[in-house]
Each structure stands twice: as C-alpha cells, then as structure tokens.
C-alpha cells in the first residue's frame, strides 16, 4: 500500500472513501463532519451512521452515496466510532480494515484527535502522529494482500504537522 501525506482541503482529493472518526452519541458537528455534509449537500452519509445506532467504540459504518450524482471527490465515508476509550491506532486500523473489506482501493484520512480532542488520550501532537502511523503499519502488517492501494492523510493548513507525519510514516514503514 502506498501512503501519502498531502496538504489542503480533504474534499478536494480523489478517493473511493474518506475515513473519519465519530462518537457514539450522534454529536457529529466537527470540522470534517461539516466538510462531508457540504460536499454532498446534506446528511446522506451521517444518516447512515445514525441508522446503525446504537454504536460503540471501535465500530465502523461504511456509508455510501450509491445512485446519487457524483458531486464530490469521494463516494463513500467510513465512520469509525471513537469514544476516546483507546489508542488512536485502533481507530485508524479499524477504518482501514473496513475499507479493505468493502473493496476500496483508495482512501483519504484527516488528522484525527488533533483539535479539541488532543490530550484526551494522546497527550501530545507527536504521540497522536505516532499512533496514526502505528495504525497504518499494523494494517500493512496484518493485511499484506489487501487491495487497498493508496491511503492519503490530508493535513489542513499546517505544513509543520504535515512534515512531522510524513517523517514518522517514512520511519515506521521502512521499519
């Protein structure tokens, strides 16, 4: 699997699915939630997560827009329930496993637990970056035959953060 780290608006990057975290309580108002809702002009993806409730930490919901005209760069969203009950690598790993099982070949991921959630589990930016990288490397180790060909982390408006993540991934993937 090729792993990329890019800078910009995640809604502008082509991928079969966007992987993101949500909580189990339906409080889905964060930055990425807004991006998802604006890019498909509504609640089509989040309503599929709502229909799957009750949800618990670590669950995944593969939401799709089959049958609707393509208006954005992703046709599917993989929601991973993150109630801050474990390390971030589990959330990233679960999202990648769900993508692979759904047959997707490309995904994008935003930076997770970097905003108001930073400090709730991972105590520093570097720890969160390490955990995201660990989720990718665990997936690559556990699913070496996966058809998932490209995973792209998209960092919004923070070049130093993008460089930190890229360096961590290069270090971990080269092993």
C-alpha atoms as a PDB file:
ATOM      1  CA  UNK A   1       0.000   0.000   0.000  1.00  0.00           C
ATOM      2  CA  UNK A   2       1.238   3.467  -0.864  1.00  0.00           C
ATOM      3  CA  UNK A   3       0.880   6.006   1.954  1.00  0.00           C
ATOM      4  CA  UNK A   4       0.821   9.709   1.148  1.00  0.00           C
ATOM      5  CA  UNK A   5       0.676  12.861   3.240  1.00  0.00           C
ATOM      6  CA  UNK A   6      -0.757  15.908   1.486  1.00  0.00           C
ATOM      7  CA  UNK A   7      -1.791  19.385   2.450  1.00  0.00           C
ATOM      8  CA  UNK A   8      -5.113  21.033   1.694  1.00  0.00           C
ATOM      9  CA  UNK A   9      -8.868  20.535   1.802  1.00  0.00           C
ATOM     10  CA  UNK A  10      -9.681  16.824   2.139  1.00  0.00           C
ATOM     11  CA  UNK A  11     -12.799  17.261  -0.008  1.00  0.00           C
ATOM     12  CA  UNK A  12     -10.560  18.109  -2.976  1.00  0.00           C
ATOM     13  CA  UNK A  13      -8.623  14.814  -3.013  1.00  0.00           C
ATOM     14  CA  UNK A  14      -9.902  11.916  -5.108  1.00  0.00           C
ATOM     15  CA  UNK A  15     -10.513   8.672  -3.212  1.00  0.00           C
ATOM     16  CA  UNK A  16     -13.146   5.978  -3.093  1.00  0.00           C
ATOM     17  CA  UNK A  17     -13.741   6.657   0.583  1.00  0.00           C
ATOM     18  CA  UNK A  18     -12.978   9.143   3.301  1.00  0.00           C
ATOM     19  CA  UNK A  19     -12.232   7.601   6.714  1.00  0.00           C
ATOM     20  CA  UNK A  20     -13.086   9.684   9.767  1.00  0.00           C
ATOM     21  CA  UNK A  21     -13.937   9.329  13.438  1.00  0.00           C
ATOM     22  CA  UNK A  22     -17.329   9.968  15.028  1.00  0.00           C
ATOM     23  CA  UNK A  23     -18.580   9.497  18.574  1.00  0.00           C
ATOM     24  CA  UNK A  24     -21.277   7.001  19.516  1.00  0.00           C
ATOM     25  CA  UNK A  25     -23.692   9.662  20.738  1.00  0.00           C
ATOM     26  CA  UNK A  26     -24.560  11.325  17.445  1.00  0.00           C
ATOM     27  CA  UNK A  27     -22.776  14.608  18.220  1.00  0.00           C
ATOM     28  CA  UNK A  28     -21.364  14.971  14.717  1.00  0.00           C
ATOM     29  CA  UNK A  29     -20.664  18.652  14.243  1.00  0.00           C
ATOM     30  CA  UNK A  30     -16.868  18.797  13.879  1.00  0.00           C
ATOM     31  CA  UNK A  31     -14.877  20.216  11.009  1.00  0.00           C
ATOM     32  CA  UNK A  32     -14.758  17.017   8.960  1.00  0.00           C
ATOM     33  CA  UNK A  33     -18.466  16.407   9.569  1.00  0.00           C
ATOM     34  CA  UNK A  34     -19.156  19.814   8.029  1.00  0.00           C
ATOM     35  CA  UNK A  35     -16.894  19.056   5.073  1.00  0.00           C
ATOM     36  CA  UNK A  36     -18.749  15.794   4.454  1.00  0.00           C
ATOM     37  CA  UNK A  37     -22.182  17.421   4.692  1.00  0.00           C
ATOM     38  CA  UNK A  38     -21.255  20.361   2.446  1.00  0.00           C
ATOM     39  CA  UNK A  39     -19.598  18.223  -0.195  1.00  0.00           C
ATOM     40  CA  UNK A  40     -22.684  16.043  -0.646  1.00  0.00           C
ATOM     41  CA  UNK A  41     -25.200  18.796   0.067  1.00  0.00           C
ATOM     42  CA  UNK A  42     -26.819  17.127   3.023  1.00  0.00           C
ATOM     43  CA  UNK A  43     -26.864  14.431   5.602  1.00  0.00           C
ATOM     44  CA  UNK A  44     -26.734  11.351   3.353  1.00  0.00           C
ATOM     45  CA  UNK A  45     -23.641   9.839   4.990  1.00  0.00           C
ATOM     46  CA  UNK A  46     -24.365  10.767   8.598  1.00  0.00           C
ATOM     47  CA  UNK A  47     -27.934   9.461   8.308  1.00  0.00           C
ATOM     48  CA  UNK A  48     -26.492   6.023   7.516  1.00  0.00           C
ATOM     49  CA  UNK A  49     -24.385   6.169  10.686  1.00  0.00           C
ATOM     50  CA  UNK A  50     -27.457   7.260  12.625  1.00  0.00           C
ATOM     51  CA  UNK A  51     -29.416   4.288  11.235  1.00  0.00           C
ATOM     52  CA  UNK A  52     -26.702   1.938  12.522  1.00  0.00           C
ATOM     53  CA  UNK A  53     -27.058   3.156  16.121  1.00  0.00           C
ATOM     54  CA  UNK A  54     -26.508   2.090  18.814  1.00  0.00           C
ATOM     55  CA  UNK A  55     -22.799   2.251  18.128  1.00  0.00           C
ATOM     56  CA  UNK A  56     -19.871   1.525  20.402  1.00  0.00           C
ATOM     57  CA  UNK A  57     -16.203   2.442  20.447  1.00  0.00           C
ATOM     58  CA  UNK A  58     -14.351   0.853  17.531  1.00  0.00           C
ATOM     59  CA  UNK A  59     -17.420   0.086  15.408  1.00  0.00           C
ATOM     60  CA  UNK A  60     -17.326   1.059  11.752  1.00  0.00           C
ATOM     61  CA  UNK A  61     -20.084   2.198   9.427  1.00  0.00           C
ATOM     62  CA  UNK A  62     -19.498   2.186   5.677  1.00  0.00           C
ATOM     63  CA  UNK A  63     -21.825   4.861   4.305  1.00  0.00           C
ATOM     64  CA  UNK A  64     -22.234   5.306   0.566  1.00  0.00           C
ATOM     65  CA  UNK A  65     -23.942   7.526  -1.951  1.00  0.00           C
ATOM     66  CA  UNK A  66     -24.792   4.841  -4.495  1.00  0.00           C
ATOM     67  CA  UNK A  67     -27.297   6.108  -7.033  1.00  0.00           C
ATOM     68  CA  UNK A  68     -26.688   9.777  -6.398  1.00  0.00           C
ATOM     69  CA  UNK A  69     -24.897  12.009  -8.873  1.00  0.00           C
ATOM     70  CA  UNK A  70     -21.225  12.391  -8.053  1.00  0.00           C
ATOM     71  CA  UNK A  71     -20.741  15.856  -6.573  1.00  0.00           C
ATOM     72  CA  UNK A  72     -17.579  15.315  -4.579  1.00  0.00           C
ATOM     73  CA  UNK A  73     -14.241  13.563  -4.709  1.00  0.00           C
ATOM     74  CA  UNK A  74     -15.351  10.636  -2.526  1.00  0.00           C
ATOM     75  CA  UNK A  75     -18.391   8.402  -2.934  1.00  0.00           C
ATOM     76  CA  UNK A  76     -18.202   6.710   0.447  1.00  0.00           C
ATOM     77  CA  UNK A  77     -17.450   7.585   4.039  1.00  0.00           C
ATOM     78  CA  UNK A  78     -16.161   5.147   6.607  1.00  0.00           C
ATOM     79  CA  UNK A  79     -17.099   6.296  10.070  1.00  0.00           C
ATOM     80  CA  UNK A  80     -15.112   4.780  12.929  1.00  0.00           C
ATOM     81  CA  UNK A  81     -16.636   5.250  16.352  1.00  0.00           C
ATOM     82  CA  UNK A  82     -14.128   6.943  18.621  1.00  0.00           C
ATOM     83  CA  UNK A  83     -15.303   7.462  22.184  1.00  0.00           C
ATOM     84  CA  UNK A  84     -11.708   8.117  23.321  1.00  0.00           C
ATOM     85  CA  UNK A  85     -11.553   4.712  25.030  1.00  0.00           C
ATOM     86  CA  UNK A  86      -8.312   3.506  23.482  1.00  0.00           C
ATOM     87  CA  UNK A  87      -5.285   4.493  21.452  1.00  0.00           C
ATOM     88  CA  UNK A  88      -5.720   6.222  18.120  1.00  0.00           C
ATOM     89  CA  UNK A  89      -4.016   3.471  16.141  1.00  0.00           C
ATOM     90  CA  UNK A  90      -7.075   1.275  16.761  1.00  0.00           C
ATOM     91  CA  UNK A  91      -9.340   3.848  15.109  1.00  0.00           C
ATOM     92  CA  UNK A  92      -7.090   4.197  12.056  1.00  0.00           C
ATOM     93  CA  UNK A  93      -6.650   0.411  11.815  1.00  0.00           C
ATOM     94  CA  UNK A  94     -10.399  -0.290  12.079  1.00  0.00           C
ATOM     95  CA  UNK A  95     -11.119   2.255   9.346  1.00  0.00           C
ATOM     96  CA  UNK A  96      -8.558   0.715   7.003  1.00  0.00           C
ATOM     97  CA  UNK A  97      -9.878  -2.797   7.662  1.00  0.00           C
ATOM     98  CA  UNK A  98     -13.430  -1.634   6.875  1.00  0.00           C
ATOM     99  CA  UNK A  99     -12.173  -0.008   3.656  1.00  0.00           C
ATOM    100  CA  UNK A 100     -10.361  -3.177   2.604  1.00  0.00           C
ATOM    101  CA  UNK A 101     -13.371  -5.376   3.391  1.00  0.00           C
ATOM    102  CA  UNK A 102     -15.588  -3.027   1.359  1.00  0.00           C
ATOM    103  CA  UNK A 103     -13.229  -3.484  -1.597  1.00  0.00           C
ATOM    104  CA  UNK A 104     -11.987   0.101  -1.770  1.00  0.00           C
ATOM    105  CA  UNK A 105      -8.629   0.778  -3.375  1.00  0.00           C
ATOM    106  CA  UNK A 106      -8.077   4.360  -2.196  1.00  0.00           C
ATOM    107  CA  UNK A 107      -8.930   6.298   0.959  1.00  0.00           C
ATOM    108  CA  UNK A 108      -8.279   9.687   2.494  1.00  0.00           C
ATOM    109  CA  UNK A 109      -7.953  10.353   6.216  1.00  0.00           C
ATOM    110  CA  UNK A 110      -7.922  13.660   8.059  1.00  0.00           C
ATOM    111  CA  UNK A 111      -5.747  14.226  11.077  1.00  0.00           C
ATOM    112  CA  UNK A 112      -7.694  12.653  13.955  1.00  0.00           C
ATOM    113  CA  UNK A 113      -7.631  13.788  17.613  1.00  0.00           C
ATOM    114  CA  UNK A 114      -5.557  16.834  16.732  1.00  0.00           C
ATOM    115  CA  UNK A 115      -8.050  19.579  17.589  1.00  0.00           C
ATOM    116  CA  UNK A 116     -10.086  19.818  20.761  1.00  0.00           C
ATOM    117  CA  UNK A 117      -9.601  16.075  21.391  1.00  0.00           C
ATOM    118  CA  UNK A 118      -5.816  16.365  21.642  1.00  0.00           C
ATOM    119  CA  UNK A 119      -4.866  15.456  25.179  1.00  0.00           C
ATOM    120  CA  UNK A 120      -7.887  13.262  25.861  1.00  0.00           C
ATOM    121  CA  UNK A 121      -5.915  10.074  25.116  1.00  0.00           C
ATOM    122  CA  UNK A 122      -2.709  11.019  23.316  1.00  0.00           C
ATOM    123  CA  UNK A 123      -1.007  13.728  25.346  1.00  0.00           C
ATOM    124  CA  UNK A 124       0.935  15.415  22.538  1.00  0.00           C
ATOM    125  CA  UNK A 125       0.895  16.037  18.813  1.00  0.00           C
ATOM    126  CA  UNK A 126       3.875  13.704  18.430  1.00  0.00           C
ATOM    127  CA  UNK A 127       2.061  10.919  20.302  1.00  0.00           C
ATOM    128  CA  UNK A 128      -1.030  11.320  18.073  1.00  0.00           C
ATOM    129  CA  UNK A 129       1.160  11.275  14.957  1.00  0.00           C
ATOM    130  CA  UNK A 130       2.902   8.131  16.189  1.00  0.00           C
ATOM    131  CA  UNK A 131      -0.480   6.471  16.817  1.00  0.00           C
ATOM    132  CA  UNK A 132      -1.777   7.311  13.324  1.00  0.00           C
ATOM    133  CA  UNK A 133       1.377   5.865  11.806  1.00  0.00           C
ATOM    134  CA  UNK A 134       1.083   2.782  14.002  1.00  0.00           C
ATOM    135  CA  UNK A 135      -2.455   2.192  12.704  1.00  0.00           C
ATOM    136  CA  UNK A 136      -1.207   2.258   9.104  1.00  0.00           C
ATOM    137  CA  UNK A 137       1.758  -0.039   9.765  1.00  0.00           C
ATOM    138  CA  UNK A 138      -0.394  -2.501  11.742  1.00  0.00           C
ATOM    139  CA  UNK A 139      -2.813  -2.661   8.824  1.00  0.00           C
ATOM    140  CA  UNK A 140       0.015  -3.205   6.340  1.00  0.00           C
ATOM    141  CA  UNK A 141       1.453  -5.987   8.535  1.00  0.00           C
ATOM    142  CA  UNK A 142      -1.894  -7.711   9.177  1.00  0.00           C
ATOM    143  CA  UNK A 143      -3.352  -7.302   5.657  1.00  0.00           C
ATOM    144  CA  UNK A 144      -0.403  -7.507   3.235  1.00  0.00           C
ATOM    145  CA  UNK A 145      -2.612  -8.863   0.428  1.00  0.00           C
ATOM    146  CA  UNK A 146      -5.212  -6.107   0.687  1.00  0.00           C
ATOM    147  CA  UNK A 147      -6.426  -4.403  -2.490  1.00  0.00           C
ATOM    148  CA  UNK A 148      -6.249  -1.075  -0.683  1.00  0.00           C
ATOM    149  CA  UNK A 149      -3.618   0.606  -2.821  1.00  0.00           C
ATOM    150  CA  UNK A 150      -3.420   4.197  -1.570  1.00  0.00           C
ATOM    151  CA  UNK A 151      -4.059   5.808   1.804  1.00  0.00           C
ATOM    152  CA  UNK A 152      -3.688   9.578   1.846  1.00  0.00           C
ATOM    153  CA  UNK A 153      -3.536  11.581   5.049  1.00  0.00           C
ATOM    154  CA  UNK A 154      -4.654  15.138   4.389  1.00  0.00           C
ATOM    155  CA  UNK A 155      -3.427  17.869   6.708  1.00  0.00           C
ATOM    156  CA  UNK A 156      -5.348  21.119   6.562  1.00  0.00           C
ATOM    157  CA  UNK A 157      -3.268  24.293   6.642  1.00  0.00           C
ATOM    158  CA  UNK A 158      -0.360  23.085   8.827  1.00  0.00           C
ATOM    159  CA  UNK A 159       2.860  22.404   6.933  1.00  0.00           C
ATOM    160  CA  UNK A 160       4.958  21.559  10.044  1.00  0.00           C
ATOM    161  CA  UNK A 161       2.347  18.966  11.072  1.00  0.00           C
ATOM    162  CA  UNK A 162       2.306  17.503   7.561  1.00  0.00           C
ATOM    163  CA  UNK A 163       6.092  17.167   7.622  1.00  0.00           C
ATOM    164  CA  UNK A 164       6.046  15.536  11.078  1.00  0.00           C
ATOM    165  CA  UNK A 165       3.518  12.938   9.959  1.00  0.00           C
ATOM    166  CA  UNK A 166       5.375  12.267   6.708  1.00  0.00           C
ATOM    167  CA  UNK A 167       8.657  11.698   8.582  1.00  0.00           C
ATOM    168  CA  UNK A 168       7.003   9.389  11.117  1.00  0.00           C
ATOM    169  CA  UNK A 169       5.348   7.332   8.386  1.00  0.00           C
ATOM    170  CA  UNK A 170       8.594   7.075   6.410  1.00  0.00           C
ATOM    171  CA  UNK A 171      10.413   5.886   9.541  1.00  0.00           C
ATOM    172  CA  UNK A 172       7.742   3.339  10.510  1.00  0.00           C
ATOM    173  CA  UNK A 173       7.043   1.964   7.037  1.00  0.00           C
ATOM    174  CA  UNK A 174      10.718   1.462   6.245  1.00  0.00           C
ATOM    175  CA  UNK A 175      10.929  -0.219   9.629  1.00  0.00           C
END
